[in-house]
Amino acid sequence: MKYKTAITGGLIGVFLATGLLFFMGATQASDSQKVLEGVSFIGQNLSGLERESGIKEIASLEKDYLSTPVILEYQDRAWQIAPASLGVSLDAEKIMEKALKVGKEGSFIDNWREKSRIRTNGVDLVPVLKLDREMFDHGLDNLTADLIILPVDAGFAVTKADTVEIIPGREGVLVDKEKAARDLLSVLENNRVVPRVELSLKKAQPDVTTEEVREYGLDTLLGSYTTRFDASVTDRAFNVRVAAGALDNLLVPPGKETSFNKVVGPRSSEAGYKNAKVIVNNELVDGLGGGVCQVSTTLYNAVLMSGLEVVTRKNHSLPVAYAPAGRDATVAYDYIDFVFRNNTDKYLYIKTYTGGGKVTVKIYGNSQARKDIIIKTKTVETYDYKVVYEPDPTLAKGTQKVKKEGVKGAKIIASRIIEENGASRLESLPASLYNPQNQIVLVGTGESVSPVRQAGGTAPGSGPDSRKNGQNEQVTGEAGAGQEPPPPQGGIVPPSGA
């Protein structure tokens, strides 16, 4: 009998224990979705709230909690500002995460005890704050503007004598924003009655120091070149200014190759370029960016005069008016480039000037790289042009008139004589091949007219219009046709007929 009673009692105990465990587990599972009784945030009861409703409740407390101004101090100076104006806000999501974890991170027994304690004594959560650093930095800069001395980067300037002077950098003084941000969050999270933050200043070095600029090694002009253009051809002149402006202030590290196309960029209307004459298939036609080749040609000659290495260069199919034959450099953004390399040990600095119908490129570097340079060109082959006859019904039958003079093609070689340290050496430069230009002759197919002058008239082909047709028909370069080539620079003698 006693044995049966013991078994019965044991079974009852097991059932009770199982039921208790089931009840505790179910209770804990239910409680995990809600804040326990007795949990609050800055005095506001959060008991029984689920995640989303709790976040909304906490967010609604932000305005009151952050209404007390914070005082920023530096020595005898003080500024008062609302924390929200410095980018401070409550992190409602993190606060709610903490609220949901209170009394639920231990064992069943520990959590049961903790739940009882919280129900009796309560728990008020510590604030968790967020800081918008961009807003904080901006607000702090505005408040403390009179304390700040911004650092000044070192630089350099070109003098009228074509030397380069270093402009020293300057150390600055800034507010230590990292420390100020940490201290601000600390005093607000610890519920100080009067939140105060003591600001600190720190020295700030310039991004570019005087020593770094000195290492560039810039001190003198290595070489320059100038070409002329017709300023009255406004669209072309505009394109020249745009392209030259893209090269202006270019700094080239030692050993680096510089691509004209990469620096200047696409010749498009979006980039500001306009229509002007360009050479296409031996003809002058309108195209976006006409005149850019004059800038690449001017740069090419400045590179030659500076003793720099030419990597890639191609001449136009026809001679151009703004440079001696054999001395031009054509470019087309997507397939023809001019590339040079800084073969000196120091930096190069490129300046461009445009105005008065002239574009100038100057290249500055280290005086140790300066050389005396003479460029020579020589025509080694010529190619006869063809005569093309075109019928013209406005001319009397049997008469002829030259519409366009023919121009012989030519192969021109170029060389560079470099003198340094009392010795000279000769370098071959890229050769140039120019196509011949056909001579066009008009052949009359109209009715014969007596050469006897009629009263008040003129013989065919001798009036003002026909004289005009024969003028300025020969074109030798893009948009600069009819101009004389620029005078030689640096002792350069252009070939005859250039």
Protein backbone atom coordinates (compact mmCIF):
# COMPACT_ATOMS: atom_id res chain seq x y z
CA MET A 1 0.00 0.00 0.00
CA LYS A 2 2.79 2.39 0.91
CA TYR A 3 4.53 1.49 -2.35
CA LYS A 4 1.47 2.45 -4.44
CA THR A 5 1.11 5.70 -2.51
CA ALA A 6 4.73 6.60 -3.22
CA ILE A 7 4.32 5.94 -6.93
CA THR A 8 1.18 8.02 -7.05
CA GLY A 9 2.88 10.89 -5.23
CA GLY A 10 5.84 10.74 -7.57
CA LEU A 11 3.65 10.88 -10.63
CA ILE A 12 1.77 13.85 -9.24
CA GLY A 13 5.09 15.61 -8.61
CA VAL A 14 6.24 14.98 -12.15
CA PHE A 15 2.98 16.29 -13.55
CA LEU A 16 3.17 19.39 -11.37
CA ALA A 17 6.79 20.06 -12.30
CA THR A 18 6.04 19.58 -15.98
CA GLY A 19 3.09 21.87 -15.76
CA LEU A 20 5.11 24.48 -13.91
CA LEU A 21 7.87 24.36 -16.50
CA PHE A 22 5.35 24.59 -19.31
CA PHE A 23 3.68 27.56 -17.63
CA MET A 24 7.00 29.32 -17.04
CA GLY A 25 8.09 28.69 -20.63
CA ALA A 26 4.81 29.94 -22.04
CA THR A 27 4.94 32.96 -19.78
CA GLN A 28 8.52 33.77 -20.83
CA ALA A 29 7.66 33.34 -24.51
CA SER A 30 4.76 35.72 -24.08
CA ASP A 31 6.86 38.19 -22.07
CA SER A 32 9.63 38.22 -24.72
CA GLN A 33 7.36 40.19 -27.05
CA LYS A 34 6.47 42.80 -24.43
CA VAL A 35 8.23 45.06 -21.94
CA LEU A 36 8.07 43.72 -18.38
CA GLU A 37 6.04 45.49 -15.75
CA GLY A 38 8.08 48.14 -13.93
CA VAL A 39 10.32 49.15 -16.87
CA SER A 40 10.35 52.85 -17.74
CA PHE A 41 12.33 55.40 -19.72
CA ILE A 42 13.00 58.84 -18.18
CA GLY A 43 9.98 58.24 -15.96
CA GLN A 44 7.60 57.13 -18.70
CA ASN A 45 6.14 53.66 -18.05
CA LEU A 46 6.80 51.22 -20.91
CA SER A 47 5.20 48.18 -19.25
CA GLY A 48 3.39 45.84 -21.63
CA LEU A 49 4.39 47.67 -24.81
CA GLU A 50 5.42 45.70 -27.88
CA ARG A 51 8.28 46.77 -30.17
CA GLU A 52 6.55 49.15 -32.59
CA SER A 53 4.31 50.84 -30.05
CA GLY A 54 7.27 51.19 -27.69
CA ILE A 55 9.43 52.87 -30.34
CA LYS A 56 6.67 55.40 -31.02
CA GLU A 57 6.26 56.08 -27.29
CA ILE A 58 9.99 56.66 -26.80
CA ALA A 59 10.24 58.89 -29.90
CA SER A 60 7.43 61.06 -28.53
CA LEU A 61 9.61 61.84 -25.49
CA GLU A 62 12.51 63.23 -27.55
CA LYS A 63 11.37 66.85 -27.69
CA ASP A 64 10.99 67.18 -23.91
CA TYR A 65 14.15 65.22 -23.14
CA LEU A 66 16.32 67.36 -25.42
CA SER A 67 14.66 70.66 -24.56
CA THR A 68 17.28 71.63 -21.98
CA PRO A 69 20.01 73.65 -23.74
CA VAL A 70 23.58 72.44 -23.55
CA ILE A 71 26.31 74.95 -22.68
CA LEU A 72 29.54 74.83 -24.66
CA GLU A 73 32.49 76.55 -22.98
CA TYR A 74 36.00 77.59 -23.94
CA GLN A 75 37.99 79.58 -21.39
CA ASP A 76 35.85 82.65 -20.69
CA ARG A 77 33.56 82.09 -23.68
CA ALA A 78 30.23 80.23 -23.56
CA TRP A 79 27.56 79.30 -26.09
CA GLN A 80 24.10 77.92 -25.35
CA ILE A 81 22.32 75.75 -27.89
CA ALA A 82 19.59 73.11 -28.05
CA PRO A 83 21.04 69.59 -28.46
CA ALA A 84 18.74 68.96 -31.43
CA SER A 85 20.38 71.89 -33.25
CA LEU A 86 23.67 70.00 -32.97
CA GLY A 87 22.20 66.86 -34.53
CA VAL A 88 21.41 64.98 -31.29
CA SER A 89 18.37 62.67 -31.24
CA LEU A 90 17.10 59.70 -29.24
CA ASP A 91 17.86 56.27 -30.67
CA ALA A 92 14.35 54.97 -30.01
CA GLU A 93 14.98 51.59 -31.63
CA LYS A 94 18.01 50.78 -29.48
CA ILE A 95 16.27 51.98 -26.32
CA MET A 96 13.31 49.71 -27.09
CA GLU A 97 15.65 46.78 -27.74
CA LYS A 98 17.09 47.28 -24.26
CA ALA A 99 13.61 47.56 -22.75
CA LEU A 100 12.54 44.24 -24.29
CA LYS A 101 15.66 42.47 -22.94
CA VAL A 102 15.28 43.59 -19.31
CA GLY A 103 14.69 40.52 -17.08
CA LYS A 104 14.92 38.04 -19.96
CA GLU A 105 18.60 37.26 -20.48
CA GLY A 106 19.19 34.75 -17.63
CA SER A 107 17.92 31.31 -16.70
CA PHE A 108 14.28 30.64 -15.91
CA ILE A 109 14.88 31.00 -12.20
CA ASP A 110 17.07 34.12 -12.56
CA ASN A 111 14.54 35.78 -14.85
CA TRP A 112 11.72 34.91 -12.49
CA ARG A 113 13.56 36.56 -9.61
CA GLU A 114 14.52 39.58 -11.75
CA LYS A 115 10.95 40.00 -12.91
CA SER A 116 9.78 40.05 -9.28
CA ARG A 117 12.45 42.60 -8.35
CA ILE A 118 11.59 44.90 -11.27
CA ARG A 119 7.91 44.70 -10.49
CA THR A 120 8.69 45.85 -6.95
CA ASN A 121 11.51 48.38 -7.47
CA GLY A 122 11.23 49.33 -11.15
CA VAL A 123 13.98 50.00 -13.74
CA ASP A 124 14.48 53.33 -15.56
CA LEU A 125 16.51 52.90 -18.74
CA VAL A 126 19.59 54.98 -19.58
CA PRO A 127 19.17 57.10 -22.76
CA VAL A 128 20.81 56.00 -25.99
CA LEU A 129 21.55 58.92 -28.32
CA LYS A 130 22.37 59.34 -32.00
CA LEU A 131 24.50 62.12 -33.46
CA ASP A 132 24.28 63.45 -37.01
CA ARG A 133 27.98 64.30 -37.49
CA GLU A 134 27.47 66.54 -40.51
CA MET A 135 24.89 68.60 -38.62
CA PHE A 136 27.05 68.61 -35.48
CA ASP A 137 30.18 69.76 -37.33
CA HIS A 138 28.27 72.49 -39.17
CA GLY A 139 26.60 73.75 -35.99
CA LEU A 140 29.84 73.74 -34.02
CA ASP A 141 31.67 75.58 -36.79
CA ASN A 142 29.03 78.31 -36.82
CA LEU A 143 29.18 78.74 -33.04
CA THR A 144 32.95 78.81 -32.75
CA ALA A 145 33.85 80.55 -36.02
CA ASP A 146 35.83 83.27 -34.22
CA LEU A 147 38.03 80.65 -32.52
CA ILE A 148 38.97 78.88 -35.73
CA ILE A 149 42.02 79.67 -37.85
CA LEU A 150 41.87 77.52 -40.97
CA PRO A 151 45.13 76.01 -42.21
CA VAL A 152 46.42 77.33 -45.54
CA ASP A 153 47.92 74.98 -48.09
CA ALA A 154 51.36 75.77 -49.41
CA GLY A 155 51.55 76.67 -53.08
CA PHE A 156 53.64 78.40 -55.69
CA ALA A 157 53.35 81.34 -58.05
CA VAL A 158 54.89 82.22 -61.39
CA THR A 159 56.64 85.60 -61.47
CA LYS A 160 56.87 88.08 -64.33
CA ALA A 161 60.47 86.95 -64.76
CA ASP A 162 59.24 83.38 -65.42
CA THR A 163 60.64 82.01 -62.18
CA VAL A 164 58.58 80.04 -59.65
CA GLU A 165 58.27 81.16 -56.03
CA ILE A 166 57.03 78.99 -53.16
CA ILE A 167 54.15 80.33 -51.07
CA PRO A 168 54.55 78.81 -47.59
CA GLY A 169 51.66 76.97 -45.97
CA ARG A 170 50.25 78.00 -42.59
CA GLU A 171 49.25 75.95 -39.56
CA GLY A 172 45.68 76.35 -38.35
CA VAL A 173 43.74 76.05 -35.09
CA LEU A 174 40.50 74.06 -34.98
CA VAL A 175 38.03 72.88 -32.35
CA ASP A 176 38.60 69.23 -31.40
CA LYS A 177 35.29 67.98 -32.78
CA GLU A 178 35.84 64.32 -31.92
CA LYS A 179 36.30 65.12 -28.23
CA ALA A 180 33.41 67.60 -28.27
CA ALA A 181 31.08 64.98 -29.79
CA ARG A 182 32.03 62.34 -27.20
CA ASP A 183 31.64 64.77 -24.29
CA LEU A 184 28.28 66.05 -25.56
CA LEU A 185 26.76 62.56 -25.75
CA SER A 186 28.23 61.67 -22.36
CA VAL A 187 26.67 64.60 -20.48
CA LEU A 188 23.29 64.10 -22.15
CA GLU A 189 23.19 60.34 -21.57
CA ASN A 190 24.06 60.84 -17.91
CA ASN A 191 21.15 63.23 -17.38
CA ARG A 192 23.22 66.14 -16.12
CA VAL A 193 20.92 68.84 -14.73
CA VAL A 194 22.91 71.53 -16.54
CA PRO A 195 24.75 69.83 -19.39
CA ARG A 196 28.11 71.53 -19.97
CA VAL A 197 30.81 70.67 -22.46
CA GLU A 198 34.33 72.11 -22.21
CA LEU A 199 35.73 72.62 -25.71
CA SER A 200 39.36 72.03 -26.63
CA LEU A 201 41.41 73.42 -29.51
CA LYS A 202 44.01 71.57 -31.54
CA LYS A 203 46.55 72.47 -34.19
CA ALA A 204 45.71 71.58 -37.78
CA GLN A 205 48.30 71.03 -40.49
CA PRO A 206 47.60 72.09 -44.09
CA ASP A 207 46.83 69.35 -46.60
CA VAL A 208 49.79 70.50 -48.69
CA THR A 209 52.86 71.49 -46.68
CA THR A 210 55.65 73.85 -47.65
CA GLU A 211 58.09 70.96 -47.73
CA GLU A 212 55.90 69.02 -50.15
CA VAL A 213 55.77 71.97 -52.55
CA ARG A 214 59.52 72.42 -52.25
CA GLU A 215 59.91 68.79 -53.31
CA TYR A 216 58.12 69.59 -56.58
CA GLY A 217 61.36 71.26 -57.62
CA LEU A 218 59.68 74.00 -59.66
CA ASP A 219 61.84 77.08 -60.07
CA THR A 220 62.10 78.19 -63.72
CA LEU A 221 60.69 78.20 -67.25
CA LEU A 222 61.85 75.24 -69.35
CA GLY A 223 60.22 76.19 -72.64
CA SER A 224 57.29 77.98 -74.27
CA TYR A 225 55.60 78.49 -77.62
CA THR A 226 53.07 80.91 -79.08
CA THR A 227 50.79 80.60 -82.11
CA ARG A 228 48.42 83.16 -83.60
CA PHE A 229 44.75 82.92 -84.56
CA ASP A 230 42.12 85.21 -86.04
CA ALA A 231 40.17 86.49 -83.03
CA SER A 232 37.39 87.73 -85.33
CA VAL A 233 36.47 84.10 -86.09
CA THR A 234 34.70 84.02 -82.75
CA ASP A 235 33.58 80.39 -82.50
CA ARG A 236 37.04 79.07 -83.33
CA ALA A 237 38.66 81.57 -80.95
CA PHE A 238 36.25 80.42 -78.25
CA ASN A 239 37.27 76.78 -78.77
CA VAL A 240 40.93 77.72 -78.51
CA ARG A 241 40.27 79.40 -75.15
CA VAL A 242 38.29 76.40 -73.83
CA ALA A 243 40.97 73.85 -74.76
CA ALA A 244 43.82 76.03 -73.50
CA GLY A 245 41.93 76.57 -70.25
CA ALA A 246 41.77 72.81 -69.70
CA LEU A 247 45.58 72.64 -69.81
CA ASP A 248 46.09 75.65 -67.55
CA ASN A 249 47.60 74.92 -64.10
CA LEU A 250 48.29 71.28 -64.97
CA LEU A 251 50.81 69.67 -62.59
CA VAL A 252 52.69 66.69 -64.04
CA PRO A 253 54.61 64.31 -61.73
CA PRO A 254 58.04 63.03 -62.80
CA GLY A 255 57.88 60.04 -65.12
CA LYS A 256 54.19 60.48 -65.92
CA GLU A 257 52.78 60.38 -69.46
CA THR A 258 50.25 63.11 -70.21
CA SER A 259 47.52 62.61 -72.80
CA PHE A 260 46.11 65.74 -74.43
CA ASN A 261 42.76 64.05 -74.99
CA LYS A 262 42.44 62.90 -71.38
CA VAL A 263 43.25 66.35 -70.02
CA VAL A 264 41.13 68.38 -72.45
CA GLY A 265 38.28 65.86 -72.67
CA PRO A 266 35.64 65.31 -75.38
CA ARG A 267 35.03 68.12 -77.84
CA SER A 268 31.26 68.24 -77.42
CA SER A 269 28.57 70.89 -77.12
CA GLU A 270 28.07 69.75 -73.51
CA ALA A 271 31.70 70.64 -72.85
CA GLY A 272 31.09 74.09 -74.33
CA TYR A 273 32.66 73.65 -77.77
CA LYS A 274 31.27 75.30 -80.89
CA ASN A 275 31.38 74.58 -84.61
CA ALA A 276 34.44 75.80 -86.48
CA LYS A 277 36.61 74.64 -89.37
CA VAL A 278 38.44 71.31 -89.06
CA ILE A 279 40.41 69.27 -91.60
CA VAL A 280 38.62 66.11 -92.72
CA ASN A 281 39.75 64.10 -95.77
CA ASN A 282 41.97 66.91 -97.01
CA GLU A 283 39.12 69.40 -96.81
CA LEU A 284 38.09 72.14 -94.39
CA VAL A 285 34.64 71.42 -93.00
CA ASP A 286 32.61 72.57 -90.01
CA GLY A 287 32.98 70.43 -86.89
CA LEU A 288 32.65 70.70 -83.12
CA GLY A 289 35.87 71.84 -81.52
CA GLY A 290 37.53 73.38 -84.55
CA GLY A 291 40.65 75.15 -83.27
CA VAL A 292 41.55 72.58 -80.60
CA CYS A 293 44.37 71.30 -82.84
CA GLN A 294 46.00 74.72 -82.59
CA VAL A 295 46.24 74.21 -78.83
CA SER A 296 47.69 70.69 -79.21
CA THR A 297 50.17 72.07 -81.76
CA THR A 298 51.19 74.88 -79.42
CA LEU A 299 51.64 72.38 -76.58
CA TYR A 300 53.67 70.09 -78.86
CA ASN A 301 56.11 72.87 -79.67
CA ALA A 302 56.38 73.91 -76.01
CA VAL A 303 57.17 70.26 -75.18
CA LEU A 304 59.86 70.24 -77.88
CA MET A 305 61.40 73.46 -76.56
CA SER A 306 61.37 72.06 -73.00
CA GLY A 307 63.36 68.97 -73.94
CA LEU A 308 60.56 66.60 -72.98
CA GLU A 309 59.93 63.17 -74.49
CA VAL A 310 57.33 62.90 -77.25
CA VAL A 311 55.41 59.61 -76.95
CA THR A 312 52.68 60.00 -79.59
CA ARG A 313 52.26 62.70 -82.23
CA LYS A 314 50.60 62.82 -85.65
CA ASN A 315 50.61 65.65 -88.17
CA HIS A 316 47.58 66.99 -90.06
CA SER A 317 46.95 65.72 -93.58
CA LEU A 318 47.53 69.30 -94.79
CA PRO A 319 49.94 71.97 -93.55
CA VAL A 320 48.43 74.48 -91.12
CA ALA A 321 48.87 78.23 -91.12
CA TYR A 322 49.64 78.65 -87.42
CA ALA A 323 52.83 76.54 -87.26
CA PRO A 324 55.74 75.69 -89.57
CA ALA A 325 55.33 72.55 -91.66
CA GLY A 326 56.53 69.53 -89.70
CA ARG A 327 55.74 71.19 -86.38
CA ASP A 328 51.97 70.59 -86.01
CA ALA A 329 50.16 67.99 -83.88
CA THR A 330 46.62 66.98 -84.77
CA VAL A 331 44.19 65.40 -82.30
CA ALA A 332 40.77 63.75 -82.47
CA TYR A 333 39.23 62.72 -79.18
CA ASP A 334 38.37 59.13 -79.97
CA TYR A 335 41.37 58.04 -82.03
CA ILE A 336 44.23 60.53 -82.48
CA ASP A 337 46.14 61.80 -79.44
CA PHE A 338 49.21 63.79 -78.53
CA VAL A 339 51.09 62.29 -75.59
CA PHE A 340 54.31 63.41 -73.92
CA ARG A 341 56.24 62.17 -70.90
CA ASN A 342 57.85 64.10 -68.08
CA ASN A 343 61.35 62.69 -68.42
CA THR A 344 62.76 64.96 -65.69
CA ASP A 345 63.28 64.14 -62.01
CA LYS A 346 60.90 66.84 -60.79
CA TYR A 347 57.37 68.05 -61.41
CA LEU A 348 56.26 70.07 -64.44
CA TYR A 349 53.76 72.92 -64.28
CA ILE A 350 51.87 74.07 -67.38
CA LYS A 351 50.44 77.56 -67.80
CA THR A 352 48.42 78.74 -70.79
CA TYR A 353 47.54 82.26 -71.89
CA THR A 354 44.98 83.21 -74.53
CA GLY A 355 44.23 86.70 -75.77
CA GLY A 356 44.93 89.23 -78.48
CA GLY A 357 44.77 86.56 -81.17
CA LYS A 358 47.53 84.49 -79.53
CA VAL A 359 47.69 81.30 -77.50
CA THR A 360 50.80 80.57 -75.45
CA VAL A 361 51.84 77.45 -73.57
CA LYS A 362 54.59 77.70 -70.96
CA ILE A 363 56.14 74.71 -69.21
CA TYR A 364 57.92 75.23 -65.88
CA GLY A 365 60.21 72.77 -64.15
CA ASN A 366 63.52 72.45 -62.35
CA SER A 367 66.49 74.48 -63.55
CA GLN A 368 68.65 71.33 -63.61
CA ALA A 369 66.51 70.10 -66.52
CA ARG A 370 66.80 73.30 -68.55
CA LYS A 371 68.47 72.96 -71.95
CA ASP A 372 69.25 75.08 -74.99
CA ILE A 373 67.25 73.66 -77.88
CA ILE A 374 67.06 74.27 -81.62
CA ILE A 375 64.44 72.61 -83.84
CA LYS A 376 65.23 72.01 -87.51
CA THR A 377 62.96 70.77 -90.29
CA LYS A 378 63.80 69.63 -93.80
CA THR A 379 61.69 68.72 -96.82
CA VAL A 380 63.04 65.43 -98.15
CA GLU A 381 60.36 64.56 -100.73
CA THR A 382 57.64 66.36 -102.65
CA TYR A 383 54.59 64.94 -104.41
CA ASP A 384 52.98 66.52 -107.47
CA TYR A 385 49.40 67.50 -107.31
CA LYS A 386 46.76 66.51 -109.87
CA VAL A 387 44.86 68.89 -112.09
CA VAL A 388 41.11 68.36 -111.96
CA TYR A 389 38.92 69.94 -114.64
CA GLU A 390 35.36 70.97 -113.85
CA PRO A 391 32.82 72.12 -116.48
CA ASP A 392 31.38 75.58 -115.89
CA PRO A 393 28.45 76.76 -118.04
CA THR A 394 28.96 80.33 -116.85
CA LEU A 395 32.28 80.53 -118.70
CA ALA A 396 32.56 80.87 -122.45
CA LYS A 397 33.28 77.68 -124.28
CA GLY A 398 36.99 77.11 -124.75
CA THR A 399 38.03 79.35 -121.82
CA GLN A 400 39.62 78.12 -118.59
CA LYS A 401 39.96 79.55 -115.11
CA VAL A 402 41.88 78.30 -112.07
CA LYS A 403 39.40 77.90 -109.23
CA LYS A 404 41.94 76.55 -106.74
CA GLU A 405 45.70 76.48 -107.04
CA GLY A 406 47.32 73.09 -106.57
CA VAL A 407 49.73 72.52 -103.70
CA LYS A 408 52.44 69.89 -103.74
CA GLY A 409 52.52 67.28 -101.00
CA ALA A 410 55.66 66.83 -98.96
CA LYS A 411 57.53 64.61 -96.53
CA ILE A 412 59.26 66.64 -93.86
CA ILE A 413 61.69 65.36 -91.28
CA ALA A 414 62.44 67.19 -88.06
CA SER A 415 65.22 67.04 -85.51
CA ARG A 416 66.06 68.58 -82.17
CA ILE A 417 69.52 69.79 -81.23
CA ILE A 418 69.92 69.71 -77.44
CA GLU A 419 72.80 71.52 -75.79
CA GLU A 420 73.56 70.98 -72.11
CA ASN A 421 76.66 70.88 -69.94
CA GLY A 422 78.80 72.05 -72.84
CA ALA A 423 77.81 69.16 -75.11
CA SER A 424 75.21 68.82 -77.82
CA ARG A 425 73.28 65.90 -79.20
CA LEU A 426 70.86 65.42 -82.07
CA GLU A 427 67.45 63.79 -81.66
CA SER A 428 65.16 62.73 -84.49
CA LEU A 429 61.56 63.88 -84.15
CA PRO A 430 58.44 62.37 -85.74
CA ALA A 431 58.35 62.91 -89.50
CA SER A 432 55.39 64.56 -91.24
CA LEU A 433 53.66 63.54 -94.45
CA TYR A 434 51.36 66.10 -96.10
CA ASN A 435 49.04 65.18 -98.95
CA PRO A 436 49.11 67.13 -102.23
CA GLN A 437 46.09 69.33 -102.92
CA ASN A 438 44.52 69.07 -106.34
CA GLN A 439 44.48 72.06 -108.64
CA ILE A 440 40.93 72.72 -109.80
CA VAL A 441 40.45 74.31 -113.23
CA LEU A 442 37.07 75.48 -114.50
CA VAL A 443 36.43 74.76 -118.20
CA GLY A 444 33.87 76.92 -119.99
CA THR A 445 30.95 75.13 -121.66
CA GLY A 446 28.77 78.18 -122.35
CA GLU A 447 28.20 80.06 -125.61
CA SER A 448 31.12 81.99 -127.05
CA VAL A 449 30.94 85.71 -126.35
CA SER A 450 32.76 88.37 -128.32
CA PRO A 451 35.65 89.76 -126.32
CA VAL A 452 34.66 93.23 -127.54
CA ARG A 453 33.44 95.16 -124.52
CA GLN A 454 29.81 96.15 -124.76
CA ALA A 455 28.62 99.49 -123.58
CA GLY A 456 28.33 99.47 -119.78
CA GLY A 457 29.59 95.87 -119.55
CA THR A 458 32.73 93.81 -119.07
CA ALA A 459 34.20 90.78 -120.72
CA PRO A 460 33.36 87.44 -119.07
CA GLY A 461 35.74 86.50 -116.29
CA SER A 462 37.05 90.03 -115.84
CA GLY A 463 34.41 91.57 -113.55
CA PRO A 464 34.59 92.09 -109.79
CA ASP A 465 32.72 88.85 -109.02
CA SER A 466 35.11 86.70 -111.02
CA ARG A 467 38.10 88.35 -109.36
CA LYS A 468 36.48 87.63 -106.00
CA ASN A 469 36.06 83.96 -106.94
CA GLY A 470 39.78 83.68 -107.41
CA GLN A 471 40.68 85.15 -104.04
CA ASN A 472 41.53 83.19 -100.86
CA GLU A 473 40.71 79.85 -102.46
CA GLN A 474 43.92 78.16 -101.39
CA VAL A 475 43.54 76.75 -97.90
CA THR A 476 46.49 75.31 -96.02
CA GLY A 477 45.19 74.80 -92.50
CA GLU A 478 42.20 74.81 -90.21
CA ALA A 479 40.49 78.16 -89.79
CA GLY A 480 43.79 79.99 -89.83
CA ALA A 481 44.09 80.08 -93.61
CA GLY A 482 45.48 83.24 -95.09
CA GLN A 483 47.57 84.07 -92.00
CA GLU A 484 51.33 84.20 -92.04
CA PRO A 485 53.04 81.50 -89.95
CA PRO A 486 54.24 82.78 -86.56
CA PRO A 487 57.79 84.05 -86.35
CA PRO A 488 60.32 81.39 -85.29
CA GLN A 489 61.10 81.11 -81.57
CA GLY A 490 64.23 79.92 -79.83
CA GLY A 491 66.41 80.22 -82.92
CA ILE A 492 64.10 78.06 -85.08
CA VAL A 493 64.26 78.60 -88.82
CA PRO A 494 61.17 77.26 -90.64
CA PRO A 495 61.69 75.65 -94.04
CA SER A 496 61.01 77.65 -97.14
CA GLY A 497 57.37 77.47 -98.17
CA ALA A 498 56.16 76.63 -94.57
